[in-house]
Amino acid sequence: MNCDICNEIDSLEHRFLYCSIARRCWAYITGALCTFSNTNINISNANIVFTDYPPELTNKADRIAAQLLILIGKWSVHKYWITGYNIPIEVLIKQEFFLRVRTAEQIETKKEILDALTELIHAM
């Protein structure tokens, strides 16, 4: 079966790593993380598959933000496919991110994490 978006052979790896939608997702998230961390980073396939932060990130807040955004990116790519491609991937990422921030506020997450999430909002 071929991908509905780019007509390549569809697979788990294609959907989350190589499809044009996935590449847009990871480019968007990489840009936000570069802005947030003020570091030139590259998110690798291994970072995505294992929800791990890029090695260039040495600050704890940057690492937490990277792991959160990679997880949100995977969920957003999945949502993009199940919602019928009606919402741009960048919008899905922002929606999911803001939902996580609200949840973190409700469960009284540590102030340093909330501060980092607030900064990350501005990077997006």
C-alpha atoms as a PDB file:
ATOM      1  CA  MET A   1       0.000   0.000   0.000  1.00  0.00           C
ATOM      2  CA  ASN A   2       1.276   3.466  -0.841  1.00  0.00           C
ATOM      3  CA  CYS A   3       1.187   6.633   1.248  1.00  0.00           C
ATOM      4  CA  ASP A   4      -1.800   8.876   0.476  1.00  0.00           C
ATOM      5  CA  ILE A   5       0.388  11.967   0.809  1.00  0.00           C
ATOM      6  CA  CYS A   6       3.525  11.216  -1.204  1.00  0.00           C
ATOM      7  CA  ASN A   7       2.738   7.900  -2.924  1.00  0.00           C
ATOM      8  CA  GLU A   8       5.798   6.145  -1.434  1.00  0.00           C
ATOM      9  CA  ILE A   9       5.476   2.680   0.093  1.00  0.00           C
ATOM     10  CA  ASP A  10       3.694   3.157   3.405  1.00  0.00           C
ATOM     11  CA  SER A  11       5.307   1.778   6.559  1.00  0.00           C
ATOM     12  CA  LEU A  12       5.748   2.746  10.173  1.00  0.00           C
ATOM     13  CA  GLU A  13       9.145   4.276   9.396  1.00  0.00           C
ATOM     14  CA  HIS A  14       7.766   6.128   6.392  1.00  0.00           C
ATOM     15  CA  ARG A  15       4.876   7.616   8.339  1.00  0.00           C
ATOM     16  CA  PHE A  16       6.891   8.868  11.275  1.00  0.00           C
ATOM     17  CA  LEU A  17      10.265   9.629   9.691  1.00  0.00           C
ATOM     18  CA  TYR A  18      10.266   9.955   5.899  1.00  0.00           C
ATOM     19  CA  CYS A  19       6.838  11.128   4.723  1.00  0.00           C
ATOM     20  CA  SER A  20       6.713  14.790   3.735  1.00  0.00           C
ATOM     21  CA  ILE A  21       4.283  15.422   6.615  1.00  0.00           C
ATOM     22  CA  ALA A  22       6.665  13.836   9.128  1.00  0.00           C
ATOM     23  CA  ARG A  23       9.588  15.818   7.716  1.00  0.00           C
ATOM     24  CA  ARG A  24       7.548  19.045   8.058  1.00  0.00           C
ATOM     25  CA  CYS A  25       6.767  18.093  11.652  1.00  0.00           C
ATOM     26  CA  TRP A  26      10.410  17.462  12.563  1.00  0.00           C
ATOM     27  CA  ALA A  27      11.598  20.602  10.767  1.00  0.00           C
ATOM     28  CA  TYR A  28       9.044  22.672  12.707  1.00  0.00           C
ATOM     29  CA  ILE A  29      10.011  21.098  16.027  1.00  0.00           C
ATOM     30  CA  THR A  30      13.733  21.461  15.282  1.00  0.00           C
ATOM     31  CA  GLY A  31      13.225  25.163  14.555  1.00  0.00           C
ATOM     32  CA  ALA A  32      11.327  25.690  17.797  1.00  0.00           C
ATOM     33  CA  LEU A  33      14.001  23.845  19.800  1.00  0.00           C
ATOM     34  CA  CYS A  34      16.823  25.789  18.129  1.00  0.00           C
ATOM     35  CA  THR A  35      15.097  29.054  19.012  1.00  0.00           C
ATOM     36  CA  PHE A  36      14.253  27.928  22.547  1.00  0.00           C
ATOM     37  CA  SER A  37      17.701  26.547  23.374  1.00  0.00           C
ATOM     38  CA  ASN A  38      19.668  29.078  21.327  1.00  0.00           C
ATOM     39  CA  THR A  39      21.583  26.049  20.016  1.00  0.00           C
ATOM     40  CA  ASN A  40      21.935  24.706  16.496  1.00  0.00           C
ATOM     41  CA  ILE A  41      20.593  21.160  16.777  1.00  0.00           C
ATOM     42  CA  ASN A  42      19.601  18.336  14.508  1.00  0.00           C
ATOM     43  CA  ILE A  43      16.923  15.863  15.521  1.00  0.00           C
ATOM     44  CA  SER A  44      17.980  12.427  14.288  1.00  0.00           C
ATOM     45  CA  ASN A  45      15.796   9.442  13.480  1.00  0.00           C
ATOM     46  CA  ALA A  46      17.134   7.792  16.642  1.00  0.00           C
ATOM     47  CA  ASN A  47      16.017  10.831  18.695  1.00  0.00           C
ATOM     48  CA  ILE A  48      12.542  10.474  17.202  1.00  0.00           C
ATOM     49  CA  VAL A  49      12.230   6.692  17.543  1.00  0.00           C
ATOM     50  CA  PHE A  50      13.504   6.611  21.141  1.00  0.00           C
ATOM     51  CA  THR A  51      12.068  10.011  22.211  1.00  0.00           C
ATOM     52  CA  ASP A  52      15.571  11.086  23.176  1.00  0.00           C
ATOM     53  CA  TYR A  53      17.039  14.572  23.158  1.00  0.00           C
ATOM     54  CA  PRO A  54      19.771  15.624  20.706  1.00  0.00           C
ATOM     55  CA  PRO A  55      23.272  15.446  22.270  1.00  0.00           C
ATOM     56  CA  GLU A  56      23.845  19.170  21.631  1.00  0.00           C
ATOM     57  CA  LEU A  57      21.377  19.962  24.411  1.00  0.00           C
ATOM     58  CA  THR A  58      23.174  20.073  27.744  1.00  0.00           C
ATOM     59  CA  ASN A  59      20.692  22.123  29.790  1.00  0.00           C
ATOM     60  CA  LYS A  60      18.057  20.120  31.699  1.00  0.00           C
ATOM     61  CA  ALA A  61      15.189  22.404  30.624  1.00  0.00           C
ATOM     62  CA  ASP A  62      16.264  22.078  26.968  1.00  0.00           C
ATOM     63  CA  ARG A  63      16.350  18.282  27.269  1.00  0.00           C
ATOM     64  CA  ILE A  64      12.896  18.156  28.845  1.00  0.00           C
ATOM     65  CA  ALA A  65      11.529  20.455  26.144  1.00  0.00           C
ATOM     66  CA  ALA A  66      13.093  18.285  23.413  1.00  0.00           C
ATOM     67  CA  GLN A  67      11.652  15.070  24.799  1.00  0.00           C
ATOM     68  CA  LEU A  68       8.230  16.646  25.219  1.00  0.00           C
ATOM     69  CA  LEU A  69       8.219  18.105  21.710  1.00  0.00           C
ATOM     70  CA  ILE A  70       9.396  14.845  20.124  1.00  0.00           C
ATOM     71  CA  LEU A  71       6.597  12.978  21.886  1.00  0.00           C
ATOM     72  CA  ILE A  72       4.088  15.645  20.811  1.00  0.00           C
ATOM     73  CA  GLY A  73       5.467  15.448  17.269  1.00  0.00           C
ATOM     74  CA  LYS A  74       4.847  11.705  17.100  1.00  0.00           C
ATOM     75  CA  TRP A  75       1.328  12.119  18.443  1.00  0.00           C
ATOM     76  CA  SER A  76       0.666  14.990  16.011  1.00  0.00           C
ATOM     77  CA  VAL A  77       1.800  12.937  13.012  1.00  0.00           C
ATOM     78  CA  HIS A  78      -0.519  10.142  14.143  1.00  0.00           C
ATOM     79  CA  LYS A  79      -3.395  12.592  14.622  1.00  0.00           C
ATOM     80  CA  TYR A  80      -2.770  14.078  11.204  1.00  0.00           C
ATOM     81  CA  TRP A  81      -3.366  10.665   9.620  1.00  0.00           C
ATOM     82  CA  ILE A  82      -6.439   9.762  11.658  1.00  0.00           C
ATOM     83  CA  THR A  83      -8.136  13.161  11.198  1.00  0.00           C
ATOM     84  CA  GLY A  84      -8.058  12.933   7.423  1.00  0.00           C
ATOM     85  CA  TYR A  85      -5.344  15.531   6.704  1.00  0.00           C
ATOM     86  CA  ASN A  86      -7.655  18.470   7.403  1.00  0.00           C
ATOM     87  CA  ILE A  87      -5.477  20.316   9.902  1.00  0.00           C
ATOM     88  CA  PRO A  88      -1.922  21.456   9.074  1.00  0.00           C
ATOM     89  CA  ILE A  89       0.699  19.525  11.049  1.00  0.00           C
ATOM     90  CA  GLU A  90       2.087  22.731  12.565  1.00  0.00           C
ATOM     91  CA  VAL A  91      -1.354  23.593  13.958  1.00  0.00           C
ATOM     92  CA  LEU A  92      -1.726  20.104  15.432  1.00  0.00           C
ATOM     93  CA  ILE A  93       1.674  20.427  17.121  1.00  0.00           C
ATOM     94  CA  LYS A  94       0.733  23.790  18.663  1.00  0.00           C
ATOM     95  CA  GLN A  95      -2.658  22.501  19.821  1.00  0.00           C
ATOM     96  CA  GLU A  96      -1.105  19.468  21.482  1.00  0.00           C
ATOM     97  CA  PHE A  97       1.644  21.549  23.042  1.00  0.00           C
ATOM     98  CA  PHE A  98      -0.789  24.071  24.553  1.00  0.00           C
ATOM     99  CA  LEU A  99      -2.904  21.211  25.899  1.00  0.00           C
ATOM    100  CA  ARG A 100       0.192  19.803  27.657  1.00  0.00           C
ATOM    101  CA  VAL A 101       1.015  23.218  29.135  1.00  0.00           C
ATOM    102  CA  ARG A 102      -2.513  23.551  30.523  1.00  0.00           C
ATOM    103  CA  THR A 103      -2.293  20.044  31.965  1.00  0.00           C
ATOM    104  CA  ALA A 104       1.077  20.834  33.556  1.00  0.00           C
ATOM    105  CA  GLU A 105      -0.403  23.966  35.137  1.00  0.00           C
ATOM    106  CA  GLN A 106      -3.359  22.002  36.511  1.00  0.00           C
ATOM    107  CA  ILE A 107      -1.192  19.375  38.173  1.00  0.00           C
ATOM    108  CA  GLU A 108       1.101  22.037  39.641  1.00  0.00           C
ATOM    109  CA  THR A 109       4.209  20.986  37.791  1.00  0.00           C
ATOM    110  CA  LYS A 110       7.521  22.310  39.114  1.00  0.00           C
ATOM    111  CA  LYS A 111       7.980  26.004  38.391  1.00  0.00           C
ATOM    112  CA  GLU A 112      11.196  25.464  36.395  1.00  0.00           C
ATOM    113  CA  ILE A 113       9.373  23.155  33.978  1.00  0.00           C
ATOM    114  CA  LEU A 114       6.450  25.569  33.596  1.00  0.00           C
ATOM    115  CA  ASP A 115       8.891  28.410  32.964  1.00  0.00           C
ATOM    116  CA  ALA A 116      10.659  26.334  30.319  1.00  0.00           C
ATOM    117  CA  LEU A 117       7.332  25.460  28.663  1.00  0.00           C
ATOM    118  CA  THR A 118       6.340  29.125  28.642  1.00  0.00           C
ATOM    119  CA  GLU A 119       9.626  30.033  26.960  1.00  0.00           C
ATOM    120  CA  LEU A 120       9.102  27.263  24.443  1.00  0.00           C
ATOM    121  CA  ILE A 121       5.680  28.675  23.564  1.00  0.00           C
ATOM    122  CA  HIS A 122       7.402  31.872  22.454  1.00  0.00           C
ATOM    123  CA  ALA A 123       9.851  29.873  20.335  1.00  0.00           C
ATOM    124  CA  MET A 124       6.965  28.307  18.419  1.00  0.00           C
END
